[in-house]
Amino acid sequence: MKKLLVLLLACALTLSVMLTITACRGKKPTPTPTPTPHTHNYVEGKCECGATDPNYDPNSDHTHNYVEGKCECGAVDPNYTPEPNDPNGGGLGNEGIELPPIDVPSSDQLPPEETEGE
């Protein structure tokens, strides 16, 4: 009777181990989500992704207004990356360039319009 009980217990244990192993087979582990790259939008020193603003001072009334990676107070945006293929490092590259005026003919200088059948 004891041998039968031990044999039954061994079979049940073996069966449960086999079911556990086969239940996990073929399942891929759930990957941890990677944060998507974005420009941080700091509000009171925090971004919605959880990043903290390195330049945030809760005692200051000044809010950084970055233009091309720089604030008027001299602070540099740590997350600023200039546009690719821009040798000037940001902006349109037209600063300080004066373009010549474009000659546009007036209506009396235009040739007369041709109508069909002439």
PDB file of N, CA and C in Angstrom:
ATOM      1  N   MET A   1       0.811  -1.180   0.000  1.00  0.00           N
ATOM      2  CA  MET A   1       0.000   0.000   0.000  1.00  0.00           C
ATOM      3  C   MET A   1       0.868   1.264   0.000  1.00  0.00           C
ATOM      4  N   LYS A   2       1.945   1.244   0.828  1.00  0.00           N
ATOM      5  CA  LYS A   2       2.843   2.396   0.862  1.00  0.00           C
ATOM      6  C   LYS A   2       3.533   2.579  -0.483  1.00  0.00           C
ATOM      7  N   LYS A   3       3.929   1.454  -1.122  1.00  0.00           N
ATOM      8  CA  LYS A   3       4.604   1.533  -2.421  1.00  0.00           C
ATOM      9  C   LYS A   3       3.669   2.147  -3.462  1.00  0.00           C
ATOM     10  N   LEU A   4       2.424   1.804  -3.432  1.00  0.00           N
ATOM     11  CA  LEU A   4       1.457   2.331  -4.367  1.00  0.00           C
ATOM     12  C   LEU A   4       1.252   3.837  -4.162  1.00  0.00           C
ATOM     13  N   LEU A   5       1.179   4.251  -2.910  1.00  0.00           N
ATOM     14  CA  LEU A   5       1.018   5.664  -2.590  1.00  0.00           C
ATOM     15  C   LEU A   5       2.242   6.477  -3.030  1.00  0.00           C
ATOM     16  N   VAL A   6       3.450   5.947  -2.796  1.00  0.00           N
ATOM     17  CA  VAL A   6       4.681   6.631  -3.216  1.00  0.00           C
ATOM     18  C   VAL A   6       4.743   6.700  -4.736  1.00  0.00           C
ATOM     19  N   LEU A   7       4.367   5.623  -5.406  1.00  0.00           N
ATOM     20  CA  LEU A   7       4.366   5.596  -6.861  1.00  0.00           C
ATOM     21  C   LEU A   7       3.371   6.612  -7.433  1.00  0.00           C
ATOM     22  N   LEU A   8       2.184   6.717  -6.841  1.00  0.00           N
ATOM     23  CA  LEU A   8       1.184   7.678  -7.267  1.00  0.00           C
ATOM     24  C   LEU A   8       1.671   9.108  -7.047  1.00  0.00           C
ATOM     25  N   LEU A   9       2.302   9.350  -5.916  1.00  0.00           N
ATOM     26  CA  LEU A   9       2.843  10.682  -5.614  1.00  0.00           C
ATOM     27  C   LEU A   9       3.958  11.053  -6.589  1.00  0.00           C
ATOM     28  N   ALA A  10       4.808  10.118  -6.937  1.00  0.00           N
ATOM     29  CA  ALA A  10       5.896  10.357  -7.885  1.00  0.00           C
ATOM     30  C   ALA A  10       5.336  10.670  -9.266  1.00  0.00           C
ATOM     31  N   CYS A  11       4.295   9.933  -9.681  1.00  0.00           N
ATOM     32  CA  CYS A  11       3.664  10.193 -10.982  1.00  0.00           C
ATOM     33  C   CYS A  11       3.023  11.574 -11.012  1.00  0.00           C
ATOM     34  N   ALA A  12       2.348  11.956  -9.948  1.00  0.00           N
ATOM     35  CA  ALA A  12       1.704  13.269  -9.893  1.00  0.00           C
ATOM     36  C   ALA A  12       2.749  14.379  -9.940  1.00  0.00           C
ATOM     37  N   LEU A  13       3.843  14.215  -9.239  1.00  0.00           N
ATOM     38  CA  LEU A  13       4.911  15.209  -9.231  1.00  0.00           C
ATOM     39  C   LEU A  13       5.548  15.323 -10.617  1.00  0.00           C
ATOM     40  N   THR A  14       5.802  14.193 -11.248  1.00  0.00           N
ATOM     41  CA  THR A  14       6.391  14.180 -12.589  1.00  0.00           C
ATOM     42  C   THR A  14       5.449  14.857 -13.585  1.00  0.00           C
ATOM     43  N   LEU A  15       4.169  14.553 -13.482  1.00  0.00           N
ATOM     44  CA  LEU A  15       3.182  15.142 -14.379  1.00  0.00           C
ATOM     45  C   LEU A  15       3.094  16.658 -14.202  1.00  0.00           C
ATOM     46  N   SER A  16       3.131  17.141 -12.969  1.00  0.00           N
ATOM     47  CA  SER A  16       3.053  18.587 -12.739  1.00  0.00           C
ATOM     48  C   SER A  16       4.302  19.298 -13.252  1.00  0.00           C
ATOM     49  N   VAL A  17       5.464  18.696 -13.115  1.00  0.00           N
ATOM     50  CA  VAL A  17       6.698  19.299 -13.633  1.00  0.00           C
ATOM     51  C   VAL A  17       6.646  19.360 -15.151  1.00  0.00           C
ATOM     52  N   MET A  18       6.177  18.288 -15.782  1.00  0.00           N
ATOM     53  CA  MET A  18       6.101  18.268 -17.245  1.00  0.00           C
ATOM     54  C   MET A  18       5.110  19.310 -17.758  1.00  0.00           C
ATOM     55  N   LEU A  19       3.993  19.483 -17.104  1.00  0.00           N
ATOM     56  CA  LEU A  19       3.021  20.488 -17.525  1.00  0.00           C
ATOM     57  C   LEU A  19       3.573  21.899 -17.368  1.00  0.00           C
ATOM     58  N   THR A  20       4.322  22.128 -16.309  1.00  0.00           N
ATOM     59  CA  THR A  20       4.922  23.443 -16.096  1.00  0.00           C
ATOM     60  C   THR A  20       5.934  23.757 -17.193  1.00  0.00           C
ATOM     61  N   ILE A  21       6.737  22.782 -17.543  1.00  0.00           N
ATOM     62  CA  ILE A  21       7.762  22.995 -18.580  1.00  0.00           C
ATOM     63  C   ILE A  21       7.109  23.240 -19.935  1.00  0.00           C
ATOM     64  N   THR A  22       6.119  22.438 -20.300  1.00  0.00           N
ATOM     65  CA  THR A  22       5.493  22.603 -21.608  1.00  0.00           C
ATOM     66  C   THR A  22       4.645  23.861 -21.684  1.00  0.00           C
ATOM     67  N   ALA A  23       4.132  24.348 -20.568  1.00  0.00           N
ATOM     68  CA  ALA A  23       3.337  25.575 -20.587  1.00  0.00           C
ATOM     69  C   ALA A  23       4.210  26.775 -20.907  1.00  0.00           C
ATOM     70  N   CYS A  24       5.485  26.752 -20.534  1.00  0.00           N
ATOM     71  CA  CYS A  24       6.390  27.878 -20.776  1.00  0.00           C
ATOM     72  C   CYS A  24       7.059  27.799 -22.140  1.00  0.00           C
ATOM     73  N   ARG A  25       7.021  26.652 -22.772  1.00  0.00           N
ATOM     74  CA  ARG A  25       7.705  26.487 -24.045  1.00  0.00           C
ATOM     75  C   ARG A  25       7.009  27.316 -25.118  1.00  0.00           C
ATOM     76  N   GLY A  26       7.786  28.020 -25.899  1.00  0.00           N
ATOM     77  CA  GLY A  26       7.241  28.814 -26.994  1.00  0.00           C
ATOM     78  C   GLY A  26       6.845  30.220 -26.603  1.00  0.00           C
ATOM     79  N   LYS A  27       6.772  30.505 -25.330  1.00  0.00           N
ATOM     80  CA  LYS A  27       6.426  31.860 -24.913  1.00  0.00           C
ATOM     81  C   LYS A  27       7.691  32.689 -24.827  1.00  0.00           C
ATOM     82  N   LYS A  28       7.628  33.870 -25.402  1.00  0.00           N
ATOM     83  CA  LYS A  28       8.759  34.784 -25.331  1.00  0.00           C
ATOM     84  C   LYS A  28       8.600  35.651 -24.093  1.00  0.00           C
ATOM     85  N   PRO A  29       9.695  35.990 -23.453  1.00  0.00           N
ATOM     86  CA  PRO A  29       9.580  36.879 -22.300  1.00  0.00           C
ATOM     87  C   PRO A  29       9.079  38.253 -22.735  1.00  0.00           C
ATOM     88  N   THR A  30       8.312  38.873 -21.899  1.00  0.00           N
ATOM     89  CA  THR A  30       7.781  40.193 -22.201  1.00  0.00           C
ATOM     90  C   THR A  30       8.915  41.207 -22.119  1.00  0.00           C
ATOM     91  N   PRO A  31       9.201  41.878 -23.243  1.00  0.00           N
ATOM     92  CA  PRO A  31      10.300  42.858 -23.202  1.00  0.00           C
ATOM     93  C   PRO A  31       9.887  44.089 -22.412  1.00  0.00           C
ATOM     94  N   THR A  32      10.874  44.689 -21.781  1.00  0.00           N
ATOM     95  CA  THR A  32      10.597  45.932 -21.073  1.00  0.00           C
ATOM     96  C   THR A  32      10.518  47.044 -22.100  1.00  0.00           C
ATOM     97  N   PRO A  33       9.527  47.894 -22.012  1.00  0.00           N
ATOM     98  CA  PRO A  33       9.393  48.948 -23.018  1.00  0.00           C
ATOM     99  C   PRO A  33      10.536  49.948 -22.919  1.00  0.00           C
ATOM    100  N   THR A  34      11.054  50.312 -24.090  1.00  0.00           N
ATOM    101  CA  THR A  34      12.105  51.321 -24.123  1.00  0.00           C
ATOM    102  C   THR A  34      11.454  52.678 -24.377  1.00  0.00           C
ATOM    103  N   PRO A  35      11.916  53.693 -23.708  1.00  0.00           N
ATOM    104  CA  PRO A  35      11.307  55.008 -23.912  1.00  0.00           C
ATOM    105  C   PRO A  35      11.557  55.501 -25.335  1.00  0.00           C
ATOM    106  N   THR A  36      10.543  56.106 -25.918  1.00  0.00           N
ATOM    107  CA  THR A  36      10.697  56.638 -27.261  1.00  0.00           C
ATOM    108  C   THR A  36      11.399  57.984 -27.181  1.00  0.00           C
ATOM    109  N   PRO A  37      12.330  58.244 -28.106  1.00  0.00           N
ATOM    110  CA  PRO A  37      13.031  59.518 -28.069  1.00  0.00           C
ATOM    111  C   PRO A  37      12.068  60.671 -28.322  1.00  0.00           C
ATOM    112  N   HIS A  38      12.218  61.724 -27.566  1.00  0.00           N
ATOM    113  CA  HIS A  38      11.366  62.896 -27.731  1.00  0.00           C
ATOM    114  C   HIS A  38      12.065  64.103 -27.138  1.00  0.00           C
ATOM    115  N   THR A  39      11.575  65.268 -27.448  1.00  0.00           N
ATOM    116  CA  THR A  39      12.083  66.488 -26.855  1.00  0.00           C
ATOM    117  C   THR A  39      11.358  66.674 -25.533  1.00  0.00           C
ATOM    118  N   HIS A  40      12.129  66.826 -24.478  1.00  0.00           N
ATOM    119  CA  HIS A  40      11.518  66.961 -23.156  1.00  0.00           C
ATOM    120  C   HIS A  40      10.726  68.256 -23.064  1.00  0.00           C
ATOM    121  N   ASN A  41       9.556  68.173 -22.498  1.00  0.00           N
ATOM    122  CA  ASN A  41       8.715  69.334 -22.247  1.00  0.00           C
ATOM    123  C   ASN A  41       8.610  69.459 -20.732  1.00  0.00           C
ATOM    124  N   TYR A  42       9.509  70.239 -20.149  1.00  0.00           N
ATOM    125  CA  TYR A  42       9.567  70.356 -18.696  1.00  0.00           C
ATOM    126  C   TYR A  42       8.487  71.299 -18.181  1.00  0.00           C
ATOM    127  N   VAL A  43       7.778  70.853 -17.178  1.00  0.00           N
ATOM    128  CA  VAL A  43       6.819  71.678 -16.466  1.00  0.00           C
ATOM    129  C   VAL A  43       7.192  71.567 -15.002  1.00  0.00           C
ATOM    130  N   GLU A  44       7.576  72.687 -14.431  1.00  0.00           N
ATOM    131  CA  GLU A  44       8.039  72.746 -13.044  1.00  0.00           C
ATOM    132  C   GLU A  44       9.133  71.710 -12.777  1.00  0.00           C
ATOM    133  N   GLY A  45      10.083  71.615 -13.703  1.00  0.00           N
ATOM    134  CA  GLY A  45      11.256  70.775 -13.507  1.00  0.00           C
ATOM    135  C   GLY A  45      11.095  69.323 -13.873  1.00  0.00           C
ATOM    136  N   LYS A  46       9.931  68.902 -14.346  1.00  0.00           N
ATOM    137  CA  LYS A  46       9.708  67.496 -14.690  1.00  0.00           C
ATOM    138  C   LYS A  46       9.104  67.385 -16.082  1.00  0.00           C
ATOM    139  N   CYS A  47       9.510  66.341 -16.803  1.00  0.00           N
ATOM    140  CA  CYS A  47       8.913  66.014 -18.097  1.00  0.00           C
ATOM    141  C   CYS A  47       7.899  64.909 -17.859  1.00  0.00           C
ATOM    142  N   GLU A  48       6.967  64.765 -18.787  1.00  0.00           N
ATOM    143  CA  GLU A  48       5.954  63.718 -18.643  1.00  0.00           C
ATOM    144  C   GLU A  48       6.564  62.327 -18.633  1.00  0.00           C
ATOM    145  N   CYS A  49       7.789  62.168 -19.191  1.00  0.00           N
ATOM    146  CA  CYS A  49       8.447  60.864 -19.198  1.00  0.00           C
ATOM    147  C   CYS A  49       9.157  60.577 -17.882  1.00  0.00           C
ATOM    148  N   GLY A  50       9.229  61.586 -17.010  1.00  0.00           N
ATOM    149  CA  GLY A  50       9.879  61.388 -15.715  1.00  0.00           C
ATOM    150  C   GLY A  50      11.250  62.040 -15.616  1.00  0.00           C
ATOM    151  N   ALA A  51      11.781  62.536 -16.736  1.00  0.00           N
ATOM    152  CA  ALA A  51      13.093  63.186 -16.706  1.00  0.00           C
ATOM    153  C   ALA A  51      13.007  64.496 -15.934  1.00  0.00           C
ATOM    154  N   THR A  52      14.082  64.829 -15.232  1.00  0.00           N
ATOM    155  CA  THR A  52      14.109  66.081 -14.479  1.00  0.00           C
ATOM    156  C   THR A  52      14.960  67.106 -15.211  1.00  0.00           C
ATOM    157  N   ASP A  53      14.540  68.349 -15.154  1.00  0.00           N
ATOM    158  CA  ASP A  53      15.245  69.450 -15.795  1.00  0.00           C
ATOM    159  C   ASP A  53      16.485  69.776 -14.975  1.00  0.00           C
ATOM    160  N   PRO A  54      17.686  69.640 -15.558  1.00  0.00           N
ATOM    161  CA  PRO A  54      18.900  69.915 -14.795  1.00  0.00           C
ATOM    162  C   PRO A  54      19.059  71.394 -14.440  1.00  0.00           C
ATOM    163  N   ASN A  55      18.358  72.271 -15.154  1.00  0.00           N
ATOM    164  CA  ASN A  55      18.490  73.706 -14.899  1.00  0.00           C
ATOM    165  C   ASN A  55      17.346  74.264 -14.060  1.00  0.00           C
ATOM    166  N   TYR A  56      16.459  73.401 -13.588  1.00  0.00           N
ATOM    167  CA  TYR A  56      15.290  73.875 -12.847  1.00  0.00           C
ATOM    168  C   TYR A  56      15.683  74.341 -11.446  1.00  0.00           C
ATOM    169  N   ASP A  57      15.247  75.539 -11.110  1.00  0.00           N
ATOM    170  CA  ASP A  57      15.455  76.091  -9.767  1.00  0.00           C
ATOM    171  C   ASP A  57      14.080  76.501  -9.253  1.00  0.00           C
ATOM    172  N   PRO A  58      13.536  75.766  -8.275  1.00  0.00           N
ATOM    173  CA  PRO A  58      12.189  76.084  -7.804  1.00  0.00           C
ATOM    174  C   PRO A  58      12.085  77.461  -7.153  1.00  0.00           C
ATOM    175  N   ASN A  59      13.212  78.041  -6.755  1.00  0.00           N
ATOM    176  CA  ASN A  59      13.199  79.349  -6.103  1.00  0.00           C
ATOM    177  C   ASN A  59      13.315  80.496  -7.105  1.00  0.00           C
ATOM    178  N   SER A  60      13.473  80.173  -8.371  1.00  0.00           N
ATOM    179  CA  SER A  60      13.652  81.197  -9.392  1.00  0.00           C
ATOM    180  C   SER A  60      12.325  81.484 -10.091  1.00  0.00           C
ATOM    181  N   ASP A  61      12.126  82.750 -10.450  1.00  0.00           N
ATOM    182  CA  ASP A  61      10.929  83.120 -11.196  1.00  0.00           C
ATOM    183  C   ASP A  61      11.158  83.000 -12.704  1.00  0.00           C
ATOM    184  N   HIS A  62      12.402  82.747 -13.104  1.00  0.00           N
ATOM    185  CA  HIS A  62      12.754  82.683 -14.523  1.00  0.00           C
ATOM    186  C   HIS A  62      12.438  81.302 -15.092  1.00  0.00           C
ATOM    187  N   THR A  63      11.787  81.274 -16.246  1.00  0.00           N
ATOM    188  CA  THR A  63      11.555  80.039 -16.986  1.00  0.00           C
ATOM    189  C   THR A  63      12.400  80.110 -18.240  1.00  0.00           C
ATOM    190  N   HIS A  64      13.201  79.076 -18.460  1.00  0.00           N
ATOM    191  CA  HIS A  64      14.067  79.069 -19.639  1.00  0.00           C
ATOM    192  C   HIS A  64      13.232  79.005 -20.906  1.00  0.00           C
ATOM    193  N   ASN A  65      13.567  79.870 -21.842  1.00  0.00           N
ATOM    194  CA  ASN A  65      12.943  79.868 -23.162  1.00  0.00           C
ATOM    195  C   ASN A  65      14.065  79.624 -24.155  1.00  0.00           C
ATOM    196  N   TYR A  66      14.263  78.347 -24.505  1.00  0.00           N
ATOM    197  CA  TYR A  66      15.377  77.983 -25.370  1.00  0.00           C
ATOM    198  C   TYR A  66      15.047  78.280 -26.831  1.00  0.00           C
ATOM    199  N   VAL A  67      15.967  78.954 -27.504  1.00  0.00           N
ATOM    200  CA  VAL A  67      15.892  79.197 -28.938  1.00  0.00           C
ATOM    201  C   VAL A  67      17.193  78.678 -29.508  1.00  0.00           C
ATOM    202  N   GLU A  68      17.081  77.680 -30.370  1.00  0.00           N
ATOM    203  CA  GLU A  68      18.251  77.015 -30.942  1.00  0.00           C
ATOM    204  C   GLU A  68      19.220  76.577 -29.857  1.00  0.00           C
ATOM    205  N   GLY A  69      18.691  76.032 -28.776  1.00  0.00           N
ATOM    206  CA  GLY A  69      19.506  75.431 -27.727  1.00  0.00           C
ATOM    207  C   GLY A  69      20.021  76.372 -26.665  1.00  0.00           C
ATOM    208  N   LYS A  70      19.672  77.666 -26.732  1.00  0.00           N
ATOM    209  CA  LYS A  70      20.177  78.615 -25.744  1.00  0.00           C
ATOM    210  C   LYS A  70      19.044  79.476 -25.219  1.00  0.00           C
ATOM    211  N   CYS A  71      19.142  79.828 -23.933  1.00  0.00           N
ATOM    212  CA  CYS A  71      18.185  80.727 -23.303  1.00  0.00           C
ATOM    213  C   CYS A  71      18.817  82.113 -23.236  1.00  0.00           C
ATOM    214  N   GLU A  72      17.974  83.127 -23.143  1.00  0.00           N
ATOM    215  CA  GLU A  72      18.489  84.500 -23.055  1.00  0.00           C
ATOM    216  C   GLU A  72      19.353  84.710 -21.817  1.00  0.00           C
ATOM    217  N   CYS A  73      19.166  83.879 -20.784  1.00  0.00           N
ATOM    218  CA  CYS A  73      19.970  84.019 -19.565  1.00  0.00           C
ATOM    219  C   CYS A  73      21.329  83.348 -19.716  1.00  0.00           C
ATOM    220  N   GLY A  74      21.538  82.630 -20.822  1.00  0.00           N
ATOM    221  CA  GLY A  74      22.818  81.973 -21.054  1.00  0.00           C
ATOM    222  C   GLY A  74      22.788  80.475 -20.806  1.00  0.00           C
ATOM    223  N   ALA A  75      21.682  79.953 -20.269  1.00  0.00           N
ATOM    224  CA  ALA A  75      21.585  78.515 -20.028  1.00  0.00           C
ATOM    225  C   ALA A  75      21.533  77.779 -21.358  1.00  0.00           C
ATOM    226  N   VAL A  76      22.125  76.596 -21.390  1.00  0.00           N
ATOM    227  CA  VAL A  76      22.164  75.778 -22.588  1.00  0.00           C
ATOM    228  C   VAL A  76      21.232  74.589 -22.403  1.00  0.00           C
ATOM    229  N   ASP A  77      20.407  74.335 -23.409  1.00  0.00           N
ATOM    230  CA  ASP A  77      19.479  73.198 -23.371  1.00  0.00           C
ATOM    231  C   ASP A  77      20.279  71.914 -23.529  1.00  0.00           C
ATOM    232  N   PRO A  78      20.286  71.035 -22.508  1.00  0.00           N
ATOM    233  CA  PRO A  78      21.085  69.811 -22.611  1.00  0.00           C
ATOM    234  C   PRO A  78      20.520  68.826 -23.623  1.00  0.00           C
ATOM    235  N   ASN A  79      19.279  69.001 -24.037  1.00  0.00           N
ATOM    236  CA  ASN A  79      18.650  68.063 -24.961  1.00  0.00           C
ATOM    237  C   ASN A  79      18.612  68.579 -26.394  1.00  0.00           C
ATOM    238  N   TYR A  80      19.217  69.732 -26.648  1.00  0.00           N
ATOM    239  CA  TYR A  80      19.161  70.321 -27.981  1.00  0.00           C
ATOM    240  C   TYR A  80      20.116  69.602 -28.926  1.00  0.00           C
ATOM    241  N   THR A  81      19.605  69.237 -30.083  1.00  0.00           N
ATOM    242  CA  THR A  81      20.446  68.701 -31.150  1.00  0.00           C
ATOM    243  C   THR A  81      20.133  69.498 -32.402  1.00  0.00           C
ATOM    244  N   PRO A  82      21.150  70.073 -33.042  1.00  0.00           N
ATOM    245  CA  PRO A  82      20.899  70.859 -34.247  1.00  0.00           C
ATOM    246  C   PRO A  82      20.377  69.970 -35.367  1.00  0.00           C
ATOM    247  N   GLU A  83      19.731  70.605 -36.323  1.00  0.00           N
ATOM    248  CA  GLU A  83      19.200  69.875 -37.462  1.00  0.00           C
ATOM    249  C   GLU A  83      20.357  69.185 -38.187  1.00  0.00           C
ATOM    250  N   PRO A  84      20.142  67.951 -38.673  1.00  0.00           N
ATOM    251  CA  PRO A  84      21.211  67.278 -39.424  1.00  0.00           C
ATOM    252  C   PRO A  84      21.483  67.999 -40.736  1.00  0.00           C
ATOM    253  N   ASN A  85      22.698  67.866 -41.216  1.00  0.00           N
ATOM    254  CA  ASN A  85      23.143  68.476 -42.472  1.00  0.00           C
ATOM    255  C   ASN A  85      23.122  69.994 -42.424  1.00  0.00           C
ATOM    256  N   ASP A  86      23.184  70.569 -41.250  1.00  0.00           N
ATOM    257  CA  ASP A  86      23.198  72.025 -41.134  1.00  0.00           C
ATOM    258  C   ASP A  86      24.588  72.440 -40.660  1.00  0.00           C
ATOM    259  N   PRO A  87      25.417  72.973 -41.544  1.00  0.00           N
ATOM    260  CA  PRO A  87      26.783  73.330 -41.146  1.00  0.00           C
ATOM    261  C   PRO A  87      26.826  74.470 -40.138  1.00  0.00           C
ATOM    262  N   ASN A  88      25.737  75.235 -40.026  1.00  0.00           N
ATOM    263  CA  ASN A  88      25.725  76.353 -39.081  1.00  0.00           C
ATOM    264  C   ASN A  88      25.319  75.932 -37.677  1.00  0.00           C
ATOM    265  N   GLY A  89      24.892  74.682 -37.508  1.00  0.00           N
ATOM    266  CA  GLY A  89      24.539  74.197 -36.186  1.00  0.00           C
ATOM    267  C   GLY A  89      23.148  74.602 -35.745  1.00  0.00           C
ATOM    268  N   GLY A  90      22.247  74.851 -36.624  1.00  0.00           N
ATOM    269  CA  GLY A  90      20.877  75.192 -36.249  1.00  0.00           C
ATOM    270  C   GLY A  90      20.384  76.375 -37.052  1.00  0.00           C
ATOM    271  N   GLY A  91      19.111  76.585 -37.040  1.00  0.00           N
ATOM    272  CA  GLY A  91      18.530  77.708 -37.775  1.00  0.00           C
ATOM    273  C   GLY A  91      18.496  77.424 -39.259  1.00  0.00           C
ATOM    274  N   LEU A  92      18.108  78.428 -40.018  1.00  0.00           N
ATOM    275  CA  LEU A  92      18.020  78.266 -41.459  1.00  0.00           C
ATOM    276  C   LEU A  92      19.327  78.589 -42.159  1.00  0.00           C
ATOM    277  N   GLY A  93      20.235  79.200 -41.475  1.00  0.00           N
ATOM    278  CA  GLY A  93      21.511  79.533 -42.074  1.00  0.00           C
ATOM    279  C   GLY A  93      21.460  80.810 -42.890  1.00  0.00           C
ATOM    280  N   ASN A  94      20.359  81.558 -42.856  1.00  0.00           N
ATOM    281  CA  ASN A  94      20.220  82.783 -43.634  1.00  0.00           C
ATOM    282  C   ASN A  94      20.434  84.036 -42.795  1.00  0.00           C
ATOM    283  N   GLU A  95      20.796  83.869 -41.540  1.00  0.00           N
ATOM    284  CA  GLU A  95      20.939  85.028 -40.682  1.00  0.00           C
ATOM    285  C   GLU A  95      22.058  85.939 -41.221  1.00  0.00           C
ATOM    286  N   GLY A  96      21.755  87.210 -41.369  1.00  0.00           N
ATOM    287  CA  GLY A  96      22.762  88.182 -41.796  1.00  0.00           C
ATOM    288  C   GLY A  96      22.965  88.242 -43.297  1.00  0.00           C
ATOM    289  N   ILE A  97      22.236  87.474 -44.066  1.00  0.00           N
ATOM    290  CA  ILE A  97      22.377  87.495 -45.526  1.00  0.00           C
ATOM    291  C   ILE A  97      21.285  88.381 -46.098  1.00  0.00           C
ATOM    292  N   GLU A  98      21.705  89.368 -46.868  1.00  0.00           N
ATOM    293  CA  GLU A  98      20.732  90.257 -47.494  1.00  0.00           C
ATOM    294  C   GLU A  98      20.559  89.818 -48.939  1.00  0.00           C
ATOM    295  N   LEU A  99      19.334  89.506 -49.315  1.00  0.00           N
ATOM    296  CA  LEU A  99      19.058  89.044 -50.661  1.00  0.00           C
ATOM    297  C   LEU A  99      18.763  90.234 -51.568  1.00  0.00           C
ATOM    298  N   PRO A 100      19.184  90.153 -52.854  1.00  0.00           N
ATOM    299  CA  PRO A 100      18.902  91.260 -53.779  1.00  0.00           C
ATOM    300  C   PRO A 100      17.412  91.299 -54.101  1.00  0.00           C
ATOM    301  N   PRO A 101      16.894  92.470 -54.472  1.00  0.00           N
ATOM    302  CA  PRO A 101      15.471  92.556 -54.812  1.00  0.00           C
ATOM    303  C   PRO A 101      15.177  91.790 -56.094  1.00  0.00           C
ATOM    304  N   ILE A 102      13.976  91.291 -56.197  1.00  0.00           N
ATOM    305  CA  ILE A 102      13.545  90.539 -57.381  1.00  0.00           C
ATOM    306  C   ILE A 102      12.810  91.500 -58.309  1.00  0.00           C
ATOM    307  N   ASP A 103      13.203  91.504 -59.596  1.00  0.00           N
ATOM    308  CA  ASP A 103      12.534  92.355 -60.579  1.00  0.00           C
ATOM    309  C   ASP A 103      11.255  91.671 -61.034  1.00  0.00           C
ATOM    310  N   VAL A 104      10.134  92.268 -60.744  1.00  0.00           N
ATOM    311  CA  VAL A 104       8.842  91.755 -61.181  1.00  0.00           C
ATOM    312  C   VAL A 104       8.290  92.745 -62.193  1.00  0.00           C
ATOM    313  N   PRO A 105       8.006  92.287 -63.422  1.00  0.00           N
ATOM    314  CA  PRO A 105       7.503  93.219 -64.443  1.00  0.00           C
ATOM    315  C   PRO A 105       6.099  93.705 -64.076  1.00  0.00           C
ATOM    316  N   SER A 106       5.848  94.973 -64.387  1.00  0.00           N
ATOM    317  CA  SER A 106       4.505  95.505 -64.147  1.00  0.00           C
ATOM    318  C   SER A 106       3.591  95.028 -65.271  1.00  0.00           C
ATOM    319  N   SER A 107       2.296  95.224 -65.116  1.00  0.00           N
ATOM    320  CA  SER A 107       1.325  94.709 -66.092  1.00  0.00           C
ATOM    321  C   SER A 107       1.503  95.348 -67.475  1.00  0.00           C
ATOM    322  N   ASP A 108       2.005  96.578 -67.572  1.00  0.00           N
ATOM    323  CA  ASP A 108       2.175  97.201 -68.886  1.00  0.00           C
ATOM    324  C   ASP A 108       3.424  96.689 -69.596  1.00  0.00           C
ATOM    325  N   GLN A 109       4.295  95.967 -68.872  1.00  0.00           N
ATOM    326  CA  GLN A 109       5.488  95.406 -69.491  1.00  0.00           C
ATOM    327  C   GLN A 109       5.275  93.962 -69.954  1.00  0.00           C
ATOM    328  N   LEU A 110       4.139  93.361 -69.611  1.00  0.00           N
ATOM    329  CA  LEU A 110       3.873  91.977 -70.002  1.00  0.00           C
ATOM    330  C   LEU A 110       3.425  91.916 -71.457  1.00  0.00           C
ATOM    331  N   PRO A 111       3.780  90.854 -72.177  1.00  0.00           N
ATOM    332  CA  PRO A 111       3.307  90.720 -73.561  1.00  0.00           C
ATOM    333  C   PRO A 111       1.794  90.493 -73.585  1.00  0.00           C
ATOM    334  N   PRO A 112       1.117  90.896 -74.672  1.00  0.00           N
ATOM    335  CA  PRO A 112      -0.348  90.704 -74.715  1.00  0.00           C
ATOM    336  C   PRO A 112      -0.682  89.222 -74.736  1.00  0.00           C
ATOM    337  N   GLU A 113      -1.812  88.885 -74.148  1.00  0.00           N
ATOM    338  CA  GLU A 113      -2.248  87.490 -74.104  1.00  0.00           C
ATOM    339  C   GLU A 113      -2.778  87.085 -75.460  1.00  0.00           C
ATOM    340  N   GLU A 114      -2.455  85.877 -75.861  1.00  0.00           N
ATOM    341  CA  GLU A 114      -2.957  85.358 -77.142  1.00  0.00           C
ATOM    342  C   GLU A 114      -4.245  84.623 -76.875  1.00  0.00           C
ATOM    343  N   THR A 115      -5.213  84.813 -77.766  1.00  0.00           N
ATOM    344  CA  THR A 115      -6.479  84.092 -77.644  1.00  0.00           C
ATOM    345  C   THR A 115      -6.518  83.020 -78.699  1.00  0.00           C
ATOM    346  N   GLU A 116      -7.316  81.993 -78.475  1.00  0.00           N
ATOM    347  CA  GLU A 116      -7.416  80.885 -79.426  1.00  0.00           C
ATOM    348  C   GLU A 116      -8.049  81.363 -80.741  1.00  0.00           C
ATOM    349  N   GLY A 117      -7.602  80.801 -81.820  1.00  0.00           N
ATOM    350  CA  GLY A 117      -8.168  81.117 -83.126  1.00  0.00           C
ATOM    351  C   GLY A 117      -7.474  82.278 -83.802  1.00  0.00           C
ATOM    352  N   GLU A 118      -6.478  82.855 -83.255  1.00  0.00           N
ATOM    353  CA  GLU A 118      -5.775  83.967 -83.907  1.00  0.00           C
ATOM    354  C   GLU A 118      -4.617  83.461 -84.688  1.00  0.00           C
TER     355      GLU A 118
END
